[in-house]
Amino acid sequence: MNIVLQEPWTVERFLAWEDAQEGKHEFDGVRIVPMTGGSRRHQRIVMNLLMALEERLDLNAFDVVQEMRISFDGKVRYPDVSVCSGRIQDETRTLHDAIAVFEVLSDETAAVDKTEKRSDYASLPGVKYYVMVEQNRIAATVLEFFEGHWKEKELTSGSISLPEIRVELPIAAIYRGLQV
């Protein structure tokens, strides 16, 4: 259920409000959208992504985080996984940029992830990659931001190549432990 606001909110007002809530919420610039818990399959894929990225990233140059809110362009989103340049301070609650953003698609979120968030993440100043990982089949759509637009490729095997962060992510590692 979306919360329709009676008056326009700023990101600052939303963040102050959300900090007092028990659950997580996204703010699309107009509506507050409660975040629901993902399935065990969703959690497994996110965990596998985190482990695969941490094993392969230069953790002195990059940081990887799970479900940390990111504020940009008058909106607040919670990507499943984000890779940021440099180390993030332990006290940080809100990111303002990322190099790579990952969303694990579900039946409930796929439409927003493929349209609104695709556009939203393109407005991050440092973004190079937006990766959408399917939950119900082995497939990942990799969008690379190049010359002002997304260059798209779907993979069902092999590795996801993210040269800007010097990482090759095997598709098999993302789906480790799952029967899809």
N, C-alpha and C. Protein backbone atom coordinates (compact mmCIF):
# COMPACT_ATOMS: atom_id res chain seq x y z
N MET A 1 0.84 -1.17 0.00
CA MET A 1 0.00 0.00 0.00
C MET A 1 0.89 1.24 0.00
N ASN A 2 0.68 2.14 -0.97
CA ASN A 2 1.42 3.39 -1.03
C ASN A 2 0.76 4.42 -0.12
N ILE A 3 1.57 5.27 0.47
CA ILE A 3 1.05 6.35 1.31
C ILE A 3 1.05 7.60 0.44
N VAL A 4 -0.14 8.13 0.13
CA VAL A 4 -0.25 9.34 -0.66
C VAL A 4 -0.14 10.53 0.29
N LEU A 5 0.76 11.43 -0.03
CA LEU A 5 1.02 12.57 0.84
C LEU A 5 0.04 13.70 0.55
N GLN A 6 -0.43 14.36 1.59
CA GLN A 6 -1.38 15.46 1.45
C GLN A 6 -0.68 16.73 0.96
N GLU A 7 0.61 16.84 1.24
CA GLU A 7 1.38 18.01 0.80
C GLU A 7 2.74 17.51 0.34
N PRO A 8 3.41 18.25 -0.54
CA PRO A 8 4.71 17.79 -1.02
C PRO A 8 5.73 17.65 0.12
N TRP A 9 6.53 16.62 0.04
CA TRP A 9 7.59 16.40 1.02
C TRP A 9 8.93 16.58 0.33
N THR A 10 9.91 16.96 1.12
CA THR A 10 11.28 17.00 0.64
C THR A 10 11.94 15.69 1.04
N VAL A 11 13.08 15.41 0.45
CA VAL A 11 13.85 14.24 0.85
C VAL A 11 14.25 14.35 2.32
N GLU A 12 14.64 15.53 2.75
CA GLU A 12 15.06 15.72 4.14
C GLU A 12 13.91 15.39 5.10
N ARG A 13 12.70 15.84 4.78
CA ARG A 13 11.54 15.54 5.62
C ARG A 13 11.25 14.04 5.63
N PHE A 14 11.34 13.43 4.45
CA PHE A 14 11.12 11.99 4.36
C PHE A 14 12.14 11.23 5.20
N LEU A 15 13.42 11.57 5.08
CA LEU A 15 14.46 10.86 5.82
C LEU A 15 14.26 10.99 7.32
N ALA A 16 13.90 12.17 7.78
CA ALA A 16 13.63 12.37 9.22
C ALA A 16 12.44 11.51 9.66
N TRP A 17 11.41 11.46 8.83
CA TRP A 17 10.23 10.64 9.14
C TRP A 17 10.61 9.16 9.15
N GLU A 18 11.34 8.72 8.12
CA GLU A 18 11.68 7.30 8.02
C GLU A 18 12.57 6.84 9.16
N ASP A 19 13.47 7.69 9.60
CA ASP A 19 14.35 7.33 10.72
C ASP A 19 13.57 7.00 11.98
N ALA A 20 12.34 7.50 12.09
CA ALA A 20 11.50 7.22 13.27
C ALA A 20 10.58 6.02 13.06
N GLN A 21 10.63 5.39 11.89
CA GLN A 21 9.76 4.25 11.58
C GLN A 21 10.48 2.94 11.87
N GLU A 22 9.71 1.89 12.06
CA GLU A 22 10.30 0.57 12.26
C GLU A 22 10.73 -0.08 10.96
N GLY A 23 9.96 0.10 9.90
CA GLY A 23 10.26 -0.54 8.62
C GLY A 23 10.96 0.42 7.66
N LYS A 24 11.31 -0.13 6.50
CA LYS A 24 11.94 0.68 5.46
C LYS A 24 10.88 1.13 4.46
N HIS A 25 11.14 2.30 3.88
CA HIS A 25 10.23 2.88 2.90
C HIS A 25 11.04 3.54 1.80
N GLU A 26 10.55 3.49 0.59
CA GLU A 26 11.13 4.27 -0.49
C GLU A 26 10.27 5.51 -0.69
N PHE A 27 10.88 6.53 -1.26
CA PHE A 27 10.19 7.78 -1.57
C PHE A 27 10.44 8.07 -3.03
N ASP A 28 9.38 8.02 -3.84
CA ASP A 28 9.57 8.22 -5.28
C ASP A 28 9.44 9.68 -5.71
N GLY A 29 9.47 10.58 -4.74
CA GLY A 29 9.33 12.00 -5.01
C GLY A 29 7.91 12.50 -4.79
N VAL A 30 6.95 11.55 -4.76
CA VAL A 30 5.53 11.89 -4.59
C VAL A 30 4.90 11.02 -3.50
N ARG A 31 5.21 9.73 -3.52
CA ARG A 31 4.59 8.76 -2.61
C ARG A 31 5.64 8.10 -1.73
N ILE A 32 5.19 7.67 -0.56
CA ILE A 32 6.00 6.83 0.32
C ILE A 32 5.55 5.40 0.08
N VAL A 33 6.50 4.54 -0.24
CA VAL A 33 6.19 3.15 -0.58
C VAL A 33 6.84 2.24 0.45
N PRO A 34 6.03 1.53 1.27
CA PRO A 34 6.61 0.61 2.26
C PRO A 34 7.35 -0.54 1.55
N MET A 35 8.49 -0.93 2.11
CA MET A 35 9.26 -2.05 1.57
C MET A 35 8.84 -3.31 2.31
N THR A 36 8.55 -4.33 1.54
CA THR A 36 8.16 -5.60 2.15
C THR A 36 9.36 -6.53 2.19
N GLY A 37 9.28 -7.54 2.99
CA GLY A 37 10.35 -8.53 3.06
C GLY A 37 10.36 -9.40 1.82
N GLY A 38 11.55 -9.78 1.39
CA GLY A 38 11.67 -10.64 0.22
C GLY A 38 11.57 -12.10 0.60
N SER A 39 11.39 -12.93 -0.40
CA SER A 39 11.33 -14.39 -0.20
C SER A 39 12.71 -14.92 0.18
N ARG A 40 12.76 -16.16 0.60
CA ARG A 40 14.05 -16.79 0.92
C ARG A 40 14.93 -16.83 -0.33
N ARG A 41 14.33 -17.07 -1.49
CA ARG A 41 15.10 -17.09 -2.74
C ARG A 41 15.74 -15.71 -2.96
N HIS A 42 14.96 -14.66 -2.75
CA HIS A 42 15.45 -13.29 -2.90
C HIS A 42 16.63 -13.05 -1.95
N GLN A 43 16.46 -13.45 -0.69
CA GLN A 43 17.52 -13.28 0.30
C GLN A 43 18.78 -14.04 -0.10
N ARG A 44 18.61 -15.26 -0.59
CA ARG A 44 19.77 -16.08 -0.99
C ARG A 44 20.53 -15.41 -2.13
N ILE A 45 19.81 -14.88 -3.12
CA ILE A 45 20.47 -14.21 -4.24
C ILE A 45 21.22 -12.98 -3.75
N VAL A 46 20.60 -12.18 -2.88
CA VAL A 46 21.27 -11.00 -2.34
C VAL A 46 22.52 -11.41 -1.57
N MET A 47 22.41 -12.43 -0.74
CA MET A 47 23.57 -12.91 0.02
C MET A 47 24.68 -13.38 -0.93
N ASN A 48 24.30 -14.12 -1.96
CA ASN A 48 25.29 -14.60 -2.93
C ASN A 48 25.96 -13.43 -3.66
N LEU A 49 25.19 -12.41 -4.01
CA LEU A 49 25.76 -11.23 -4.65
C LEU A 49 26.77 -10.56 -3.73
N LEU A 50 26.39 -10.37 -2.48
CA LEU A 50 27.29 -9.74 -1.51
C LEU A 50 28.59 -10.52 -1.37
N MET A 51 28.47 -11.83 -1.20
CA MET A 51 29.66 -12.66 -1.02
C MET A 51 30.54 -12.63 -2.27
N ALA A 52 29.92 -12.77 -3.45
CA ALA A 52 30.69 -12.78 -4.69
C ALA A 52 31.39 -11.44 -4.91
N LEU A 53 30.71 -10.35 -4.63
CA LEU A 53 31.32 -9.03 -4.79
C LEU A 53 32.46 -8.82 -3.79
N GLU A 54 32.22 -9.17 -2.53
CA GLU A 54 33.27 -8.96 -1.53
C GLU A 54 34.51 -9.80 -1.82
N GLU A 55 34.32 -11.00 -2.38
CA GLU A 55 35.45 -11.86 -2.73
C GLU A 55 36.27 -11.28 -3.88
N ARG A 56 35.62 -10.49 -4.76
CA ARG A 56 36.27 -10.05 -5.98
C ARG A 56 36.66 -8.58 -6.01
N LEU A 57 36.03 -7.76 -5.19
CA LEU A 57 36.30 -6.32 -5.18
C LEU A 57 37.58 -5.99 -4.44
N ASP A 58 38.23 -4.94 -4.85
CA ASP A 58 39.31 -4.35 -4.07
C ASP A 58 38.64 -3.53 -2.98
N LEU A 59 38.55 -4.07 -1.78
CA LEU A 59 37.81 -3.44 -0.69
C LEU A 59 38.50 -2.21 -0.12
N ASN A 60 39.69 -1.89 -0.62
CA ASN A 60 40.32 -0.61 -0.27
C ASN A 60 39.82 0.50 -1.19
N ALA A 61 39.36 0.11 -2.37
CA ALA A 61 38.90 1.10 -3.36
C ALA A 61 37.39 1.19 -3.44
N PHE A 62 36.69 0.12 -3.04
CA PHE A 62 35.23 0.06 -3.17
C PHE A 62 34.60 -0.52 -1.91
N ASP A 63 33.33 -0.20 -1.72
CA ASP A 63 32.57 -0.78 -0.62
C ASP A 63 31.29 -1.35 -1.20
N VAL A 64 30.82 -2.44 -0.62
CA VAL A 64 29.58 -3.07 -1.07
C VAL A 64 28.62 -3.10 0.12
N VAL A 65 27.37 -2.71 -0.11
CA VAL A 65 26.39 -2.64 0.96
C VAL A 65 25.07 -3.26 0.50
N GLN A 66 24.34 -3.76 1.47
CA GLN A 66 23.04 -4.37 1.23
C GLN A 66 21.94 -3.46 1.74
N GLU A 67 20.94 -3.25 0.91
CA GLU A 67 19.72 -2.53 1.29
C GLU A 67 19.98 -1.26 2.08
N MET A 68 20.95 -0.47 1.65
CA MET A 68 21.18 0.84 2.26
C MET A 68 20.52 1.88 1.38
N ARG A 69 19.78 2.78 2.01
CA ARG A 69 19.05 3.77 1.22
C ARG A 69 20.02 4.70 0.49
N ILE A 70 19.55 5.13 -0.67
CA ILE A 70 20.33 6.05 -1.48
C ILE A 70 19.41 7.20 -1.89
N SER A 71 19.85 8.41 -1.62
CA SER A 71 19.05 9.61 -1.89
C SER A 71 19.65 10.33 -3.09
N PHE A 72 18.79 10.67 -4.05
CA PHE A 72 19.24 11.36 -5.25
C PHE A 72 18.04 11.93 -5.98
N ASP A 73 18.25 13.06 -6.61
CA ASP A 73 17.26 13.63 -7.52
C ASP A 73 15.85 13.70 -6.91
N GLY A 74 15.77 14.01 -5.59
CA GLY A 74 14.47 14.14 -4.93
C GLY A 74 13.79 12.83 -4.59
N LYS A 75 14.53 11.71 -4.62
CA LYS A 75 13.97 10.39 -4.34
C LYS A 75 14.87 9.64 -3.37
N VAL A 76 14.30 8.60 -2.78
CA VAL A 76 15.07 7.71 -1.91
C VAL A 76 14.72 6.28 -2.30
N ARG A 77 15.70 5.49 -2.64
CA ARG A 77 15.51 4.09 -3.02
C ARG A 77 16.37 3.20 -2.13
N TYR A 78 16.00 1.93 -2.05
CA TYR A 78 16.76 0.92 -1.33
C TYR A 78 17.17 -0.18 -2.31
N PRO A 79 18.26 0.00 -3.05
CA PRO A 79 18.70 -1.10 -3.92
C PRO A 79 19.05 -2.32 -3.07
N ASP A 80 18.90 -3.50 -3.64
CA ASP A 80 19.26 -4.71 -2.90
C ASP A 80 20.74 -4.71 -2.55
N VAL A 81 21.58 -4.31 -3.51
CA VAL A 81 23.03 -4.25 -3.29
C VAL A 81 23.56 -3.04 -4.05
N SER A 82 24.50 -2.32 -3.43
CA SER A 82 25.16 -1.19 -4.09
C SER A 82 26.66 -1.33 -3.91
N VAL A 83 27.40 -0.91 -4.93
CA VAL A 83 28.85 -0.81 -4.84
C VAL A 83 29.19 0.66 -4.97
N CYS A 84 29.97 1.15 -3.99
CA CYS A 84 30.34 2.56 -3.95
C CYS A 84 31.85 2.71 -4.02
N SER A 85 32.27 3.83 -4.55
CA SER A 85 33.69 4.14 -4.61
C SER A 85 34.16 4.55 -3.21
N GLY A 86 35.29 4.01 -2.81
CA GLY A 86 35.83 4.33 -1.48
C GLY A 86 35.10 3.57 -0.39
N ARG A 87 35.56 3.76 0.82
CA ARG A 87 34.96 3.10 1.99
C ARG A 87 33.85 3.98 2.55
N ILE A 88 32.76 3.36 2.96
CA ILE A 88 31.63 4.06 3.56
C ILE A 88 31.84 4.05 5.08
N GLN A 89 31.68 5.19 5.70
CA GLN A 89 31.83 5.29 7.15
C GLN A 89 30.75 4.46 7.85
N ASP A 90 31.10 3.86 8.96
CA ASP A 90 30.17 2.99 9.69
C ASP A 90 28.90 3.70 10.14
N GLU A 91 28.97 5.00 10.37
CA GLU A 91 27.81 5.76 10.84
C GLU A 91 26.87 6.17 9.71
N THR A 92 27.27 5.96 8.48
CA THR A 92 26.48 6.40 7.33
C THR A 92 25.14 5.68 7.28
N ARG A 93 24.08 6.44 7.07
CA ARG A 93 22.73 5.87 6.95
C ARG A 93 22.16 6.06 5.56
N THR A 94 22.69 7.05 4.84
CA THR A 94 22.15 7.38 3.53
C THR A 94 23.30 7.58 2.55
N LEU A 95 23.24 6.87 1.43
CA LEU A 95 24.20 7.06 0.35
C LEU A 95 23.68 8.15 -0.58
N HIS A 96 24.60 8.73 -1.37
CA HIS A 96 24.21 9.75 -2.34
C HIS A 96 24.71 9.41 -3.74
N ASP A 97 25.41 8.30 -3.86
CA ASP A 97 25.91 7.87 -5.16
C ASP A 97 26.33 6.42 -5.07
N ALA A 98 26.46 5.78 -6.21
CA ALA A 98 26.96 4.41 -6.31
C ALA A 98 27.51 4.21 -7.71
N ILE A 99 28.42 3.26 -7.84
CA ILE A 99 28.96 2.92 -9.15
C ILE A 99 28.13 1.81 -9.79
N ALA A 100 27.71 0.85 -8.96
CA ALA A 100 26.90 -0.27 -9.45
C ALA A 100 25.74 -0.48 -8.50
N VAL A 101 24.57 -0.74 -9.08
CA VAL A 101 23.35 -0.97 -8.31
C VAL A 101 22.73 -2.27 -8.79
N PHE A 102 22.33 -3.12 -7.83
CA PHE A 102 21.73 -4.41 -8.14
C PHE A 102 20.33 -4.49 -7.55
N GLU A 103 19.38 -4.95 -8.33
CA GLU A 103 18.03 -5.23 -7.85
C GLU A 103 17.70 -6.67 -8.20
N VAL A 104 17.14 -7.40 -7.24
CA VAL A 104 16.67 -8.76 -7.47
C VAL A 104 15.18 -8.64 -7.77
N LEU A 105 14.79 -9.06 -8.95
CA LEU A 105 13.42 -8.88 -9.41
C LEU A 105 12.47 -9.90 -8.81
N SER A 106 11.30 -9.42 -8.43
CA SER A 106 10.22 -10.30 -8.00
C SER A 106 8.99 -9.94 -8.81
N ASP A 107 7.98 -10.77 -8.75
CA ASP A 107 6.75 -10.47 -9.49
C ASP A 107 6.18 -9.12 -9.06
N GLU A 108 6.31 -8.80 -7.78
CA GLU A 108 5.74 -7.56 -7.25
C GLU A 108 6.55 -6.32 -7.62
N THR A 109 7.85 -6.45 -7.80
CA THR A 109 8.69 -5.27 -8.00
C THR A 109 9.25 -5.12 -9.41
N ALA A 110 9.13 -6.14 -10.24
CA ALA A 110 9.80 -6.13 -11.55
C ALA A 110 9.40 -4.93 -12.42
N ALA A 111 8.13 -4.60 -12.45
CA ALA A 111 7.69 -3.49 -13.32
C ALA A 111 8.36 -2.18 -12.91
N VAL A 112 8.41 -1.89 -11.61
CA VAL A 112 9.05 -0.65 -11.13
C VAL A 112 10.56 -0.74 -11.35
N ASP A 113 11.16 -1.89 -11.06
CA ASP A 113 12.60 -2.05 -11.23
C ASP A 113 13.03 -1.84 -12.68
N LYS A 114 12.22 -2.31 -13.62
CA LYS A 114 12.57 -2.23 -15.05
C LYS A 114 12.26 -0.88 -15.68
N THR A 115 11.44 -0.07 -15.05
CA THR A 115 11.06 1.22 -15.65
C THR A 115 11.51 2.39 -14.79
N GLU A 116 10.80 2.62 -13.68
CA GLU A 116 11.10 3.78 -12.84
C GLU A 116 12.52 3.76 -12.30
N LYS A 117 12.93 2.63 -11.73
CA LYS A 117 14.26 2.58 -11.13
C LYS A 117 15.35 2.63 -12.20
N ARG A 118 15.07 2.08 -13.36
CA ARG A 118 16.02 2.18 -14.48
C ARG A 118 16.32 3.65 -14.77
N SER A 119 15.28 4.45 -14.83
CA SER A 119 15.42 5.88 -15.07
C SER A 119 16.05 6.58 -13.87
N ASP A 120 15.58 6.22 -12.67
CA ASP A 120 16.11 6.83 -11.45
C ASP A 120 17.61 6.62 -11.32
N TYR A 121 18.06 5.39 -11.47
CA TYR A 121 19.47 5.09 -11.26
C TYR A 121 20.36 5.75 -12.31
N ALA A 122 19.81 6.04 -13.49
CA ALA A 122 20.58 6.75 -14.51
C ALA A 122 20.93 8.16 -14.06
N SER A 123 20.17 8.70 -13.09
CA SER A 123 20.44 10.07 -12.63
C SER A 123 21.51 10.12 -11.52
N LEU A 124 21.99 8.96 -11.05
CA LEU A 124 23.09 8.96 -10.09
C LEU A 124 24.36 9.44 -10.82
N PRO A 125 25.07 10.39 -10.26
CA PRO A 125 26.21 10.97 -10.98
C PRO A 125 27.31 9.97 -11.32
N GLY A 126 27.57 9.00 -10.45
CA GLY A 126 28.68 8.08 -10.68
C GLY A 126 28.29 6.71 -11.19
N VAL A 127 27.01 6.48 -11.45
CA VAL A 127 26.57 5.14 -11.80
C VAL A 127 27.16 4.69 -13.14
N LYS A 128 27.63 3.47 -13.16
CA LYS A 128 28.13 2.85 -14.39
C LYS A 128 27.30 1.62 -14.75
N TYR A 129 26.73 0.95 -13.71
CA TYR A 129 26.01 -0.31 -13.96
C TYR A 129 24.73 -0.38 -13.14
N TYR A 130 23.71 -0.91 -13.78
CA TYR A 130 22.47 -1.29 -13.10
C TYR A 130 22.22 -2.73 -13.52
N VAL A 131 22.21 -3.64 -12.54
CA VAL A 131 22.06 -5.06 -12.83
C VAL A 131 20.76 -5.54 -12.20
N MET A 132 19.89 -6.10 -13.04
CA MET A 132 18.63 -6.67 -12.57
C MET A 132 18.76 -8.19 -12.64
N VAL A 133 18.64 -8.84 -11.48
CA VAL A 133 18.82 -10.28 -11.38
C VAL A 133 17.44 -10.92 -11.24
N GLU A 134 17.14 -11.84 -12.13
CA GLU A 134 15.87 -12.56 -12.08
C GLU A 134 15.85 -13.50 -10.89
N GLN A 135 14.68 -13.71 -10.33
CA GLN A 135 14.52 -14.61 -9.20
C GLN A 135 14.00 -15.97 -9.63
N ASN A 136 13.19 -16.00 -10.67
CA ASN A 136 12.49 -17.23 -11.05
C ASN A 136 13.12 -17.94 -12.24
N ARG A 137 14.21 -17.41 -12.73
CA ARG A 137 14.99 -18.08 -13.79
C ARG A 137 16.40 -17.56 -13.71
N ILE A 138 17.33 -18.29 -14.26
CA ILE A 138 18.73 -17.88 -14.24
C ILE A 138 18.93 -16.87 -15.36
N ALA A 139 18.98 -15.61 -15.00
CA ALA A 139 19.18 -14.54 -15.97
C ALA A 139 19.46 -13.23 -15.23
N ALA A 140 20.31 -12.43 -15.84
CA ALA A 140 20.60 -11.09 -15.32
C ALA A 140 20.64 -10.13 -16.49
N THR A 141 20.01 -8.99 -16.32
CA THR A 141 20.07 -7.93 -17.32
C THR A 141 21.06 -6.90 -16.81
N VAL A 142 22.11 -6.69 -17.58
CA VAL A 142 23.17 -5.77 -17.20
C VAL A 142 23.03 -4.51 -18.06
N LEU A 143 22.85 -3.39 -17.39
CA LEU A 143 22.79 -2.11 -18.08
C LEU A 143 24.05 -1.35 -17.74
N GLU A 144 24.77 -0.93 -18.76
CA GLU A 144 25.98 -0.15 -18.57
C GLU A 144 25.69 1.26 -19.06
N PHE A 145 25.93 2.25 -18.20
CA PHE A 145 25.67 3.63 -18.58
C PHE A 145 26.83 4.12 -19.42
N PHE A 146 26.54 4.47 -20.66
CA PHE A 146 27.58 4.80 -21.63
C PHE A 146 27.10 5.95 -22.50
N GLU A 147 27.83 7.06 -22.49
CA GLU A 147 27.51 8.23 -23.31
C GLU A 147 26.06 8.69 -23.14
N GLY A 148 25.60 8.74 -21.88
CA GLY A 148 24.30 9.31 -21.58
C GLY A 148 23.10 8.38 -21.72
N HIS A 149 23.34 7.11 -21.99
CA HIS A 149 22.22 6.17 -22.07
C HIS A 149 22.66 4.77 -21.63
N TRP A 150 21.68 3.91 -21.37
CA TRP A 150 21.97 2.54 -20.96
C TRP A 150 22.24 1.66 -22.18
N LYS A 151 23.29 0.89 -22.10
CA LYS A 151 23.57 -0.17 -23.07
C LYS A 151 23.21 -1.46 -22.35
N GLU A 152 22.31 -2.26 -22.93
CA GLU A 152 21.70 -3.39 -22.23
C GLU A 152 22.14 -4.73 -22.81
N LYS A 153 22.35 -5.69 -21.88
CA LYS A 153 22.70 -7.04 -22.30
C LYS A 153 22.10 -8.02 -21.29
N GLU A 154 21.45 -9.09 -21.78
CA GLU A 154 20.93 -10.13 -20.89
C GLU A 154 21.87 -11.32 -20.94
N LEU A 155 22.16 -11.86 -19.75
CA LEU A 155 23.03 -13.02 -19.63
C LEU A 155 22.30 -14.15 -18.93
N THR A 156 22.47 -15.37 -19.42
CA THR A 156 21.91 -16.55 -18.76
C THR A 156 23.00 -17.53 -18.35
N SER A 157 24.23 -17.21 -18.72
CA SER A 157 25.37 -18.04 -18.33
C SER A 157 26.62 -17.17 -18.42
N GLY A 158 27.75 -17.76 -18.06
CA GLY A 158 28.99 -17.01 -18.11
C GLY A 158 29.14 -16.08 -16.92
N SER A 159 29.68 -14.89 -17.18
CA SER A 159 29.95 -13.92 -16.12
C SER A 159 29.45 -12.54 -16.49
N ILE A 160 29.09 -11.80 -15.45
CA ILE A 160 28.75 -10.40 -15.60
C ILE A 160 30.06 -9.62 -15.51
N SER A 161 30.39 -8.91 -16.56
CA SER A 161 31.63 -8.15 -16.59
C SER A 161 31.35 -6.70 -16.19
N LEU A 162 32.05 -6.26 -15.13
CA LEU A 162 31.92 -4.89 -14.63
C LEU A 162 33.32 -4.28 -14.58
N PRO A 163 33.86 -3.91 -15.75
CA PRO A 163 35.26 -3.47 -15.79
C PRO A 163 35.56 -2.21 -14.98
N GLU A 164 34.60 -1.32 -14.81
CA GLU A 164 34.83 -0.08 -14.05
C GLU A 164 35.22 -0.38 -12.60
N ILE A 165 34.71 -1.52 -12.07
CA ILE A 165 35.08 -1.90 -10.69
C ILE A 165 35.97 -3.15 -10.68
N ARG A 166 36.42 -3.52 -11.86
CA ARG A 166 37.37 -4.64 -12.03
C ARG A 166 36.83 -5.95 -11.45
N VAL A 167 35.59 -6.29 -11.85
CA VAL A 167 34.94 -7.49 -11.32
C VAL A 167 34.30 -8.30 -12.45
N GLU A 168 34.46 -9.60 -12.36
CA GLU A 168 33.74 -10.57 -13.19
C GLU A 168 32.92 -11.40 -12.21
N LEU A 169 31.59 -11.34 -12.33
CA LEU A 169 30.70 -12.08 -11.43
C LEU A 169 30.12 -13.28 -12.17
N PRO A 170 30.53 -14.49 -11.83
CA PRO A 170 29.94 -15.65 -12.48
C PRO A 170 28.45 -15.77 -12.15
N ILE A 171 27.65 -15.99 -13.17
CA ILE A 171 26.21 -16.17 -12.97
C ILE A 171 25.97 -17.32 -11.99
N ALA A 172 26.76 -18.38 -12.11
CA ALA A 172 26.61 -19.54 -11.22
C ALA A 172 26.79 -19.15 -9.75
N ALA A 173 27.67 -18.19 -9.46
CA ALA A 173 27.89 -17.75 -8.07
C ALA A 173 26.66 -17.03 -7.52
N ILE A 174 25.95 -16.31 -8.37
CA ILE A 174 24.76 -15.56 -7.94
C ILE A 174 23.64 -16.52 -7.55
N TYR A 175 23.55 -17.65 -8.25
CA TYR A 175 22.47 -18.62 -8.01
C TYR A 175 22.91 -19.83 -7.21
N ARG A 176 24.09 -19.74 -6.59
CA ARG A 176 24.61 -20.85 -5.80
C ARG A 176 23.62 -21.25 -4.71
N GLY A 177 23.36 -22.55 -4.60
CA GLY A 177 22.46 -23.05 -3.56
C GLY A 177 20.99 -22.97 -3.89
N LEU A 178 20.66 -22.54 -5.09
CA LEU A 178 19.25 -22.40 -5.50
C LEU A 178 18.91 -23.38 -6.60
N GLN A 179 17.68 -23.81 -6.60
CA GLN A 179 17.17 -24.60 -7.73
C GLN A 179 16.19 -23.71 -8.47
N VAL A 180 16.58 -23.30 -9.65
CA VAL A 180 15.75 -22.39 -10.45
C VAL A 180 15.35 -23.09 -11.74
